[in-house]
Amino acid sequence: MSQSSPRRERARRRGGAIAVGIYASVLGGLTLMWSVQIIQQVWSQSGTTDVDCRAGVQSLLDAVRMARRSAGAETGGERAAVERFRAELQPEWAERQAIGKRCQGDEPGRRLLREVDLLRYAEERSVRSDAVDVARRRRRVQSLEAEIMAHGPPSVAPSNLAKQPPPN
C-alpha cells in the first residue's frame, strides 16, 4: 500500500500539471491571437484609395452631408440617429487614413481635410443633440395630446357662433 500511495500522488501531480499546461496554452493562444488582430488593425495600412487628396476630401465631405440628411430623417431616437449617421459615412470614411496620407504634400488639402474632420464630429454631436431635443418635444406633444384629447372638443357657445363671419 505504501508504494501505491506515492504512485498515485505522482500521477495526481502529473495530471494537475498537464491540466494547468493545457489551460495556459489555450488561454495564451487566444491572447496571442487577439493581440495580433489588434496590432494589425492599429498598425496596418488602412485603405487603398487611388484618388488624389482633394477628390478624397470631397468624397468625405459628401458623405458627411448625406449622413446628416439621413440621420435627420431617423425617428428612432438619439441612438438610432447616431447609428444611422455613422453607417451612412461608410465606405468613404473607411478610406480616411489613406486620404490623409495623400494630402501630406497638399497644404490646402490638409487644411480642408482637418476642417472636414471637425465638421464630421460637430455634425455627429448635432445629430445627438437634435435627436434629444426632438425626443423631448415628442414626449411633450404626446403628453399634451393625451391631456387635451381626454377632455373632448371645446364646447361652442351660441353667442360665439353669431360673432363668426359666415363661410364663403
N, C-alpha and C. Protein backbone atom coordinates (compact mmCIF):
# COMPACT_ATOMS: atom_id res chain seq x y z
N MET A 1 0.81 -1.18 0.00
CA MET A 1 0.00 0.00 0.00
C MET A 1 0.86 1.25 0.00
N SER A 2 2.01 1.18 0.61
CA SER A 2 2.87 2.34 0.67
C SER A 2 3.40 2.72 -0.72
N GLN A 3 3.61 1.72 -1.62
CA GLN A 3 4.06 2.04 -2.97
C GLN A 3 2.93 2.61 -3.82
N SER A 4 1.73 2.15 -3.57
CA SER A 4 0.57 2.61 -4.33
C SER A 4 0.28 4.08 -4.05
N SER A 5 0.46 4.50 -2.84
CA SER A 5 0.18 5.88 -2.47
C SER A 5 1.15 6.86 -3.13
N PRO A 6 2.47 6.62 -3.16
CA PRO A 6 3.36 7.55 -3.86
C PRO A 6 3.10 7.58 -5.37
N ARG A 7 2.72 6.44 -5.95
CA ARG A 7 2.41 6.41 -7.38
C ARG A 7 1.18 7.28 -7.67
N ARG A 8 0.21 7.11 -6.84
CA ARG A 8 -1.00 7.93 -7.00
C ARG A 8 -0.69 9.41 -6.85
N GLU A 9 0.11 9.73 -5.92
CA GLU A 9 0.47 11.13 -5.67
C GLU A 9 1.20 11.72 -6.88
N ARG A 10 2.15 10.93 -7.45
CA ARG A 10 2.87 11.39 -8.65
C ARG A 10 1.91 11.54 -9.83
N ALA A 11 1.00 10.62 -10.00
CA ALA A 11 0.03 10.67 -11.10
C ALA A 11 -0.90 11.88 -10.93
N ARG A 12 -1.30 12.11 -9.70
CA ARG A 12 -2.16 13.27 -9.45
C ARG A 12 -1.43 14.57 -9.76
N ARG A 13 -0.18 14.66 -9.35
CA ARG A 13 0.61 15.86 -9.65
C ARG A 13 0.82 16.02 -11.15
N ARG A 14 1.15 14.93 -11.81
CA ARG A 14 1.37 14.97 -13.25
C ARG A 14 0.08 15.40 -13.97
N GLY A 15 -1.04 14.85 -13.56
CA GLY A 15 -2.33 15.21 -14.15
C GLY A 15 -2.65 16.68 -13.93
N GLY A 16 -2.37 17.16 -12.73
CA GLY A 16 -2.60 18.58 -12.43
C GLY A 16 -1.71 19.48 -13.27
N ALA A 17 -0.45 19.07 -13.44
CA ALA A 17 0.48 19.86 -14.24
C ALA A 17 0.04 19.87 -15.71
N ILE A 18 -0.42 18.75 -16.20
CA ILE A 18 -0.89 18.68 -17.59
C ILE A 18 -2.12 19.56 -17.77
N ALA A 19 -3.04 19.53 -16.82
CA ALA A 19 -4.25 20.36 -16.91
C ALA A 19 -3.89 21.84 -16.90
N VAL A 20 -2.96 22.23 -16.03
CA VAL A 20 -2.53 23.63 -15.98
C VAL A 20 -1.84 24.01 -17.29
N GLY A 21 -1.05 23.11 -17.84
CA GLY A 21 -0.37 23.37 -19.11
C GLY A 21 -1.36 23.56 -20.25
N ILE A 22 -2.38 22.71 -20.31
CA ILE A 22 -3.39 22.83 -21.36
C ILE A 22 -4.16 24.15 -21.20
N TYR A 23 -4.55 24.45 -19.99
CA TYR A 23 -5.29 25.69 -19.73
C TYR A 23 -4.45 26.91 -20.12
N ALA A 24 -3.18 26.92 -19.71
CA ALA A 24 -2.30 28.05 -20.02
C ALA A 24 -2.07 28.15 -21.53
N SER A 25 -1.95 27.01 -22.20
CA SER A 25 -1.73 27.03 -23.66
C SER A 25 -2.94 27.60 -24.39
N VAL A 26 -4.14 27.17 -24.01
CA VAL A 26 -5.35 27.68 -24.65
C VAL A 26 -5.50 29.17 -24.38
N LEU A 27 -5.37 29.58 -23.13
CA LEU A 27 -5.50 30.98 -22.79
C LEU A 27 -4.42 31.83 -23.45
N GLY A 28 -3.18 31.35 -23.44
CA GLY A 28 -2.09 32.08 -24.09
C GLY A 28 -2.29 32.18 -25.59
N GLY A 29 -2.77 31.10 -26.20
CA GLY A 29 -3.01 31.11 -27.65
C GLY A 29 -4.08 32.11 -28.02
N LEU A 30 -5.19 32.13 -27.27
CA LEU A 30 -6.25 33.10 -27.54
C LEU A 30 -5.76 34.53 -27.35
N THR A 31 -5.01 34.76 -26.28
CA THR A 31 -4.48 36.09 -26.02
C THR A 31 -3.54 36.53 -27.13
N LEU A 32 -2.69 35.64 -27.59
CA LEU A 32 -1.77 35.95 -28.67
C LEU A 32 -2.53 36.25 -29.96
N MET A 33 -3.54 35.43 -30.27
CA MET A 33 -4.32 35.63 -31.49
C MET A 33 -5.02 37.00 -31.46
N TRP A 34 -5.65 37.34 -30.34
CA TRP A 34 -6.36 38.61 -30.23
C TRP A 34 -5.39 39.78 -30.28
N SER A 35 -4.22 39.63 -29.67
CA SER A 35 -3.22 40.70 -29.69
C SER A 35 -2.75 40.97 -31.11
N VAL A 36 -2.52 39.91 -31.87
CA VAL A 36 -2.09 40.07 -33.26
C VAL A 36 -3.17 40.79 -34.06
N GLN A 37 -4.43 40.43 -33.86
CA GLN A 37 -5.52 41.09 -34.58
C GLN A 37 -5.58 42.58 -34.24
N ILE A 38 -5.44 42.91 -32.98
CA ILE A 38 -5.47 44.31 -32.56
C ILE A 38 -4.30 45.08 -33.17
N ILE A 39 -3.13 44.51 -33.12
CA ILE A 39 -1.94 45.17 -33.66
C ILE A 39 -2.09 45.38 -35.17
N GLN A 40 -2.63 44.38 -35.86
CA GLN A 40 -2.84 44.53 -37.30
C GLN A 40 -3.82 45.66 -37.60
N GLN A 41 -4.88 45.76 -36.81
CA GLN A 41 -5.85 46.82 -37.04
C GLN A 41 -5.24 48.20 -36.80
N VAL A 42 -4.42 48.31 -35.78
CA VAL A 42 -3.85 49.60 -35.42
C VAL A 42 -2.73 50.02 -36.37
N TRP A 43 -1.85 49.11 -36.71
CA TRP A 43 -0.65 49.48 -37.44
C TRP A 43 -0.67 49.16 -38.93
N SER A 44 -1.69 48.47 -39.41
CA SER A 44 -1.70 48.12 -40.83
C SER A 44 -2.10 49.31 -41.67
N GLN A 45 -1.81 49.23 -42.95
CA GLN A 45 -2.21 50.27 -43.88
C GLN A 45 -3.72 50.22 -44.01
N SER A 46 -4.38 51.30 -43.70
CA SER A 46 -5.82 51.35 -43.81
C SER A 46 -6.18 52.03 -45.12
N GLY A 47 -7.01 51.39 -45.88
CA GLY A 47 -7.48 51.98 -47.12
C GLY A 47 -6.47 51.82 -48.24
N THR A 48 -6.98 51.68 -49.41
CA THR A 48 -6.13 51.52 -50.58
C THR A 48 -6.63 52.44 -51.69
N THR A 49 -7.05 53.59 -51.31
CA THR A 49 -7.65 54.51 -52.28
C THR A 49 -6.61 55.01 -53.26
N ASP A 50 -7.05 55.18 -54.50
CA ASP A 50 -6.18 55.71 -55.54
C ASP A 50 -6.57 57.14 -55.90
N VAL A 51 -7.52 57.72 -55.19
CA VAL A 51 -7.95 59.08 -55.51
C VAL A 51 -6.94 60.07 -54.93
N ASP A 52 -6.90 61.25 -55.55
CA ASP A 52 -5.99 62.26 -55.04
C ASP A 52 -6.59 62.91 -53.79
N CYS A 53 -5.83 63.76 -53.18
CA CYS A 53 -6.22 64.37 -51.91
C CYS A 53 -7.55 65.10 -52.00
N ARG A 54 -7.67 66.01 -52.92
CA ARG A 54 -8.85 66.87 -52.96
C ARG A 54 -10.11 66.10 -53.34
N ALA A 55 -10.00 65.14 -54.26
CA ALA A 55 -11.16 64.32 -54.61
C ALA A 55 -11.57 63.46 -53.42
N GLY A 56 -10.58 62.96 -52.68
CA GLY A 56 -10.88 62.16 -51.49
C GLY A 56 -11.56 62.98 -50.41
N VAL A 57 -11.07 64.19 -50.19
CA VAL A 57 -11.68 65.07 -49.19
C VAL A 57 -13.10 65.42 -49.61
N GLN A 58 -13.31 65.65 -50.90
CA GLN A 58 -14.66 65.95 -51.39
C GLN A 58 -15.60 64.77 -51.14
N SER A 59 -15.11 63.55 -51.33
CA SER A 59 -15.97 62.38 -51.08
C SER A 59 -16.31 62.26 -49.59
N LEU A 60 -15.35 62.61 -48.71
CA LEU A 60 -15.63 62.59 -47.27
C LEU A 60 -16.67 63.64 -46.92
N LEU A 61 -16.55 64.82 -47.50
CA LEU A 61 -17.49 65.91 -47.24
C LEU A 61 -18.89 65.53 -47.75
N ASP A 62 -18.97 64.94 -48.92
CA ASP A 62 -20.26 64.49 -49.45
C ASP A 62 -20.90 63.44 -48.54
N ALA A 63 -20.06 62.55 -48.00
CA ALA A 63 -20.57 61.52 -47.09
C ALA A 63 -21.12 62.14 -45.82
N VAL A 64 -20.45 63.16 -45.29
CA VAL A 64 -20.94 63.83 -44.08
C VAL A 64 -22.29 64.48 -44.35
N ARG A 65 -22.41 65.14 -45.48
CA ARG A 65 -23.68 65.80 -45.82
C ARG A 65 -24.81 64.78 -45.99
N MET A 66 -24.51 63.68 -46.67
CA MET A 66 -25.53 62.65 -46.87
C MET A 66 -25.91 62.00 -45.53
N ALA A 67 -24.92 61.77 -44.68
CA ALA A 67 -25.18 61.15 -43.37
C ALA A 67 -26.04 62.07 -42.51
N ARG A 68 -25.80 63.36 -42.58
CA ARG A 68 -26.58 64.33 -41.80
C ARG A 68 -28.05 64.32 -42.24
N ARG A 69 -28.28 64.31 -43.55
CA ARG A 69 -29.66 64.26 -44.05
C ARG A 69 -30.34 62.96 -43.63
N SER A 70 -29.62 61.88 -43.74
CA SER A 70 -30.18 60.58 -43.40
C SER A 70 -30.50 60.48 -41.91
N ALA A 71 -29.61 60.97 -41.07
CA ALA A 71 -29.84 60.93 -39.63
C ALA A 71 -30.98 61.84 -39.23
N GLY A 72 -31.15 62.95 -39.95
CA GLY A 72 -32.25 63.86 -39.66
C GLY A 72 -33.61 63.23 -39.92
N ALA A 73 -33.64 62.26 -40.82
CA ALA A 73 -34.90 61.58 -41.13
C ALA A 73 -35.20 60.43 -40.17
N GLU A 74 -34.26 60.10 -39.31
CA GLU A 74 -34.43 58.98 -38.38
C GLU A 74 -35.43 59.35 -37.28
N THR A 75 -36.36 58.46 -37.01
CA THR A 75 -37.38 58.72 -35.98
C THR A 75 -37.20 57.83 -34.76
N GLY A 76 -36.16 57.03 -34.73
CA GLY A 76 -35.99 56.07 -33.65
C GLY A 76 -35.29 56.57 -32.41
N GLY A 77 -34.99 57.84 -32.31
CA GLY A 77 -34.34 58.37 -31.12
C GLY A 77 -32.87 58.65 -31.34
N GLU A 78 -32.21 59.07 -30.26
CA GLU A 78 -30.82 59.51 -30.33
C GLU A 78 -29.89 58.40 -30.80
N ARG A 79 -29.97 57.26 -30.17
CA ARG A 79 -29.06 56.16 -30.51
C ARG A 79 -29.22 55.74 -31.97
N ALA A 80 -30.46 55.61 -32.41
CA ALA A 80 -30.71 55.21 -33.80
C ALA A 80 -30.22 56.27 -34.77
N ALA A 81 -30.40 57.54 -34.44
CA ALA A 81 -29.95 58.62 -35.32
C ALA A 81 -28.42 58.62 -35.44
N VAL A 82 -27.73 58.44 -34.34
CA VAL A 82 -26.27 58.42 -34.38
C VAL A 82 -25.78 57.18 -35.13
N GLU A 83 -26.40 56.05 -34.90
CA GLU A 83 -26.01 54.83 -35.62
C GLU A 83 -26.23 55.00 -37.12
N ARG A 84 -27.33 55.60 -37.49
CA ARG A 84 -27.61 55.82 -38.91
C ARG A 84 -26.60 56.80 -39.50
N PHE A 85 -26.27 57.85 -38.76
CA PHE A 85 -25.27 58.81 -39.21
C PHE A 85 -23.94 58.11 -39.47
N ARG A 86 -23.50 57.30 -38.52
CA ARG A 86 -22.21 56.62 -38.66
C ARG A 86 -22.24 55.60 -39.80
N ALA A 87 -23.36 54.91 -39.96
CA ALA A 87 -23.46 53.92 -41.04
C ALA A 87 -23.41 54.60 -42.40
N GLU A 88 -24.01 55.77 -42.52
CA GLU A 88 -24.03 56.48 -43.80
C GLU A 88 -22.66 57.04 -44.17
N LEU A 89 -21.75 57.17 -43.21
CA LEU A 89 -20.42 57.67 -43.52
C LEU A 89 -19.58 56.64 -44.29
N GLN A 90 -19.94 55.39 -44.18
CA GLN A 90 -19.20 54.34 -44.85
C GLN A 90 -19.66 54.22 -46.29
N PRO A 91 -18.88 53.80 -47.22
CA PRO A 91 -17.50 53.32 -47.13
C PRO A 91 -16.46 54.44 -47.25
N GLU A 92 -16.91 55.66 -47.51
CA GLU A 92 -15.97 56.75 -47.74
C GLU A 92 -15.02 56.95 -46.56
N TRP A 93 -15.56 56.93 -45.35
CA TRP A 93 -14.72 57.22 -44.19
C TRP A 93 -13.81 56.06 -43.81
N ALA A 94 -14.01 54.91 -44.41
CA ALA A 94 -13.06 53.80 -44.20
C ALA A 94 -11.73 54.13 -44.87
N GLU A 95 -11.76 55.05 -45.82
CA GLU A 95 -10.56 55.46 -46.55
C GLU A 95 -9.90 56.71 -45.97
N ARG A 96 -10.37 57.17 -44.82
CA ARG A 96 -9.90 58.44 -44.25
C ARG A 96 -8.39 58.46 -44.06
N GLN A 97 -7.83 57.41 -43.52
CA GLN A 97 -6.39 57.40 -43.25
C GLN A 97 -5.59 57.47 -44.55
N ALA A 98 -6.03 56.73 -45.56
CA ALA A 98 -5.32 56.75 -46.85
C ALA A 98 -5.43 58.13 -47.50
N ILE A 99 -6.58 58.76 -47.37
CA ILE A 99 -6.75 60.10 -47.93
C ILE A 99 -5.83 61.08 -47.19
N GLY A 100 -5.72 60.93 -45.89
CA GLY A 100 -4.82 61.79 -45.12
C GLY A 100 -3.38 61.66 -45.59
N LYS A 101 -2.96 60.45 -45.93
CA LYS A 101 -1.60 60.26 -46.44
C LYS A 101 -1.43 60.92 -47.81
N ARG A 102 -2.48 60.88 -48.62
CA ARG A 102 -2.41 61.51 -49.94
C ARG A 102 -2.31 63.03 -49.82
N CYS A 103 -2.82 63.57 -48.72
CA CYS A 103 -2.84 65.02 -48.54
C CYS A 103 -1.57 65.56 -47.87
N GLN A 104 -0.60 64.72 -47.60
CA GLN A 104 0.59 65.19 -46.89
C GLN A 104 1.34 66.28 -47.64
N GLY A 105 1.35 66.22 -48.95
CA GLY A 105 2.08 67.23 -49.71
C GLY A 105 1.21 68.37 -50.21
N ASP A 106 -0.05 68.38 -49.83
CA ASP A 106 -1.00 69.38 -50.32
C ASP A 106 -1.54 70.16 -49.11
N GLU A 107 -0.90 71.28 -48.80
CA GLU A 107 -1.26 72.03 -47.59
C GLU A 107 -2.71 72.52 -47.59
N PRO A 108 -3.22 73.10 -48.67
CA PRO A 108 -4.65 73.48 -48.66
C PRO A 108 -5.56 72.26 -48.51
N GLY A 109 -5.19 71.17 -49.12
CA GLY A 109 -5.97 69.94 -48.98
C GLY A 109 -5.96 69.42 -47.55
N ARG A 110 -4.81 69.51 -46.90
CA ARG A 110 -4.71 69.09 -45.49
C ARG A 110 -5.57 69.97 -44.59
N ARG A 111 -5.58 71.28 -44.85
CA ARG A 111 -6.42 72.18 -44.05
C ARG A 111 -7.90 71.84 -44.23
N LEU A 112 -8.28 71.61 -45.49
CA LEU A 112 -9.67 71.25 -45.75
C LEU A 112 -10.02 69.92 -45.11
N LEU A 113 -9.11 68.95 -45.17
CA LEU A 113 -9.35 67.65 -44.55
C LEU A 113 -9.55 67.81 -43.04
N ARG A 114 -8.75 68.64 -42.43
CA ARG A 114 -8.89 68.90 -40.98
C ARG A 114 -10.26 69.50 -40.67
N GLU A 115 -10.68 70.45 -41.48
CA GLU A 115 -11.99 71.07 -41.27
C GLU A 115 -13.13 70.07 -41.50
N VAL A 116 -12.97 69.19 -42.48
CA VAL A 116 -14.00 68.17 -42.73
C VAL A 116 -14.06 67.21 -41.54
N ASP A 117 -12.90 66.86 -40.98
CA ASP A 117 -12.89 66.02 -39.77
C ASP A 117 -13.67 66.70 -38.64
N LEU A 118 -13.38 67.97 -38.42
CA LEU A 118 -14.06 68.71 -37.36
C LEU A 118 -15.56 68.82 -37.64
N LEU A 119 -15.91 69.02 -38.92
CA LEU A 119 -17.32 69.09 -39.30
C LEU A 119 -18.02 67.76 -39.02
N ARG A 120 -17.34 66.68 -39.32
CA ARG A 120 -17.95 65.36 -39.08
C ARG A 120 -18.32 65.21 -37.61
N TYR A 121 -17.40 65.52 -36.72
CA TYR A 121 -17.69 65.35 -35.29
C TYR A 121 -18.70 66.37 -34.79
N ALA A 122 -18.67 67.57 -35.35
CA ALA A 122 -19.69 68.57 -34.97
C ALA A 122 -21.07 68.12 -35.43
N GLU A 123 -21.15 67.57 -36.64
CA GLU A 123 -22.44 67.07 -37.15
C GLU A 123 -22.94 65.91 -36.30
N GLU A 124 -22.03 65.05 -35.88
CA GLU A 124 -22.46 63.92 -35.04
C GLU A 124 -23.00 64.43 -33.70
N ARG A 125 -22.33 65.40 -33.12
CA ARG A 125 -22.85 66.00 -31.87
C ARG A 125 -24.19 66.66 -32.11
N SER A 126 -24.32 67.32 -33.25
CA SER A 126 -25.57 67.98 -33.60
C SER A 126 -26.70 66.96 -33.77
N VAL A 127 -26.40 65.85 -34.43
CA VAL A 127 -27.39 64.78 -34.61
C VAL A 127 -27.85 64.29 -33.24
N ARG A 128 -26.89 64.11 -32.35
CA ARG A 128 -27.21 63.61 -31.00
C ARG A 128 -28.09 64.61 -30.25
N SER A 129 -27.72 65.89 -30.27
CA SER A 129 -28.50 66.88 -29.51
C SER A 129 -29.86 67.13 -30.16
N ASP A 130 -29.90 67.15 -31.51
CA ASP A 130 -31.19 67.32 -32.20
C ASP A 130 -32.13 66.17 -31.86
N ALA A 131 -31.59 64.96 -31.84
CA ALA A 131 -32.42 63.80 -31.54
C ALA A 131 -32.97 63.88 -30.11
N VAL A 132 -32.14 64.36 -29.18
CA VAL A 132 -32.60 64.51 -27.80
C VAL A 132 -33.69 65.57 -27.73
N ASP A 133 -33.48 66.70 -28.42
CA ASP A 133 -34.46 67.78 -28.42
C ASP A 133 -35.77 67.32 -29.05
N VAL A 134 -35.67 66.63 -30.17
CA VAL A 134 -36.88 66.14 -30.84
C VAL A 134 -37.60 65.13 -29.95
N ALA A 135 -36.86 64.26 -29.30
CA ALA A 135 -37.49 63.28 -28.41
C ALA A 135 -38.22 63.97 -27.27
N ARG A 136 -37.62 65.03 -26.72
CA ARG A 136 -38.25 65.80 -25.64
C ARG A 136 -39.54 66.44 -26.15
N ARG A 137 -39.50 67.02 -27.34
CA ARG A 137 -40.70 67.64 -27.91
C ARG A 137 -41.78 66.61 -28.20
N ARG A 138 -41.40 65.44 -28.68
CA ARG A 138 -42.38 64.39 -28.95
C ARG A 138 -43.09 63.97 -27.67
N ARG A 139 -42.30 63.79 -26.60
CA ARG A 139 -42.92 63.42 -25.31
C ARG A 139 -43.88 64.50 -24.83
N ARG A 140 -43.49 65.77 -25.01
CA ARG A 140 -44.35 66.87 -24.57
C ARG A 140 -45.65 66.90 -25.37
N VAL A 141 -45.54 66.73 -26.69
CA VAL A 141 -46.73 66.73 -27.53
C VAL A 141 -47.63 65.55 -27.17
N GLN A 142 -47.05 64.38 -26.96
CA GLN A 142 -47.86 63.22 -26.58
C GLN A 142 -48.58 63.46 -25.27
N SER A 143 -47.89 64.06 -24.32
CA SER A 143 -48.50 64.35 -23.03
C SER A 143 -49.64 65.35 -23.17
N LEU A 144 -49.38 66.43 -23.90
CA LEU A 144 -50.43 67.43 -24.11
C LEU A 144 -51.59 66.86 -24.92
N GLU A 145 -51.28 66.06 -25.91
CA GLU A 145 -52.32 65.46 -26.72
C GLU A 145 -53.23 64.58 -25.87
N ALA A 146 -52.63 63.76 -25.01
CA ALA A 146 -53.43 62.89 -24.15
C ALA A 146 -54.29 63.72 -23.20
N GLU A 147 -53.70 64.78 -22.67
CA GLU A 147 -54.42 65.64 -21.73
C GLU A 147 -55.57 66.37 -22.41
N ILE A 148 -55.30 66.96 -23.56
CA ILE A 148 -56.31 67.77 -24.24
C ILE A 148 -57.38 66.91 -24.88
N MET A 149 -56.99 65.84 -25.51
CA MET A 149 -57.96 64.99 -26.19
C MET A 149 -58.85 64.23 -25.21
N ALA A 150 -58.38 64.04 -24.00
CA ALA A 150 -59.18 63.33 -23.00
C ALA A 150 -60.40 64.16 -22.58
N HIS A 151 -60.30 65.48 -22.70
CA HIS A 151 -61.40 66.36 -22.29
C HIS A 151 -62.42 66.57 -23.41
N GLY A 152 -62.13 66.10 -24.59
CA GLY A 152 -63.05 66.26 -25.71
C GLY A 152 -62.93 67.63 -26.32
N PRO A 153 -63.67 67.89 -27.41
CA PRO A 153 -63.58 69.19 -28.07
C PRO A 153 -64.20 70.27 -27.19
N PRO A 154 -63.72 71.49 -27.32
CA PRO A 154 -64.29 72.57 -26.51
C PRO A 154 -65.72 72.83 -26.97
N SER A 155 -66.55 73.14 -26.01
CA SER A 155 -67.95 73.44 -26.37
C SER A 155 -68.00 74.85 -26.93
N VAL A 156 -68.86 75.05 -27.92
CA VAL A 156 -69.00 76.35 -28.56
C VAL A 156 -70.32 76.95 -28.09
N ALA A 157 -70.21 78.10 -27.49
CA ALA A 157 -71.41 78.79 -27.00
C ALA A 157 -72.15 79.41 -28.18
N PRO A 158 -73.51 79.47 -28.14
CA PRO A 158 -74.28 80.07 -29.23
C PRO A 158 -73.90 81.51 -29.49
N SER A 159 -73.51 82.26 -28.47
CA SER A 159 -73.14 83.67 -28.67
C SER A 159 -71.87 83.77 -29.51
N ASN A 160 -70.98 82.79 -29.40
CA ASN A 160 -69.75 82.80 -30.20
C ASN A 160 -70.04 82.51 -31.65
N LEU A 161 -71.07 81.74 -31.92
CA LEU A 161 -71.41 81.41 -33.30
C LEU A 161 -71.90 82.64 -34.05
N ALA A 162 -72.59 83.51 -33.38
CA ALA A 162 -73.16 84.69 -34.03
C ALA A 162 -72.06 85.67 -34.41
N LYS A 163 -70.93 85.68 -33.69
CA LYS A 163 -69.86 86.63 -33.95
C LYS A 163 -68.96 86.19 -35.10
N GLN A 164 -69.01 84.91 -35.48
CA GLN A 164 -68.13 84.41 -36.54
C GLN A 164 -68.68 84.81 -37.90
N PRO A 165 -67.80 85.17 -38.81
CA PRO A 165 -68.27 85.53 -40.16
C PRO A 165 -68.77 84.28 -40.88
N PRO A 166 -69.70 84.43 -41.76
CA PRO A 166 -70.23 83.26 -42.46
C PRO A 166 -69.18 82.69 -43.41
N PRO A 167 -69.17 81.37 -43.58
CA PRO A 167 -68.19 80.76 -44.51
C PRO A 167 -68.48 81.13 -45.94
N ASN A 168 -67.47 81.29 -46.76
CA ASN A 168 -67.64 81.67 -48.17
C ASN A 168 -67.93 80.49 -49.04
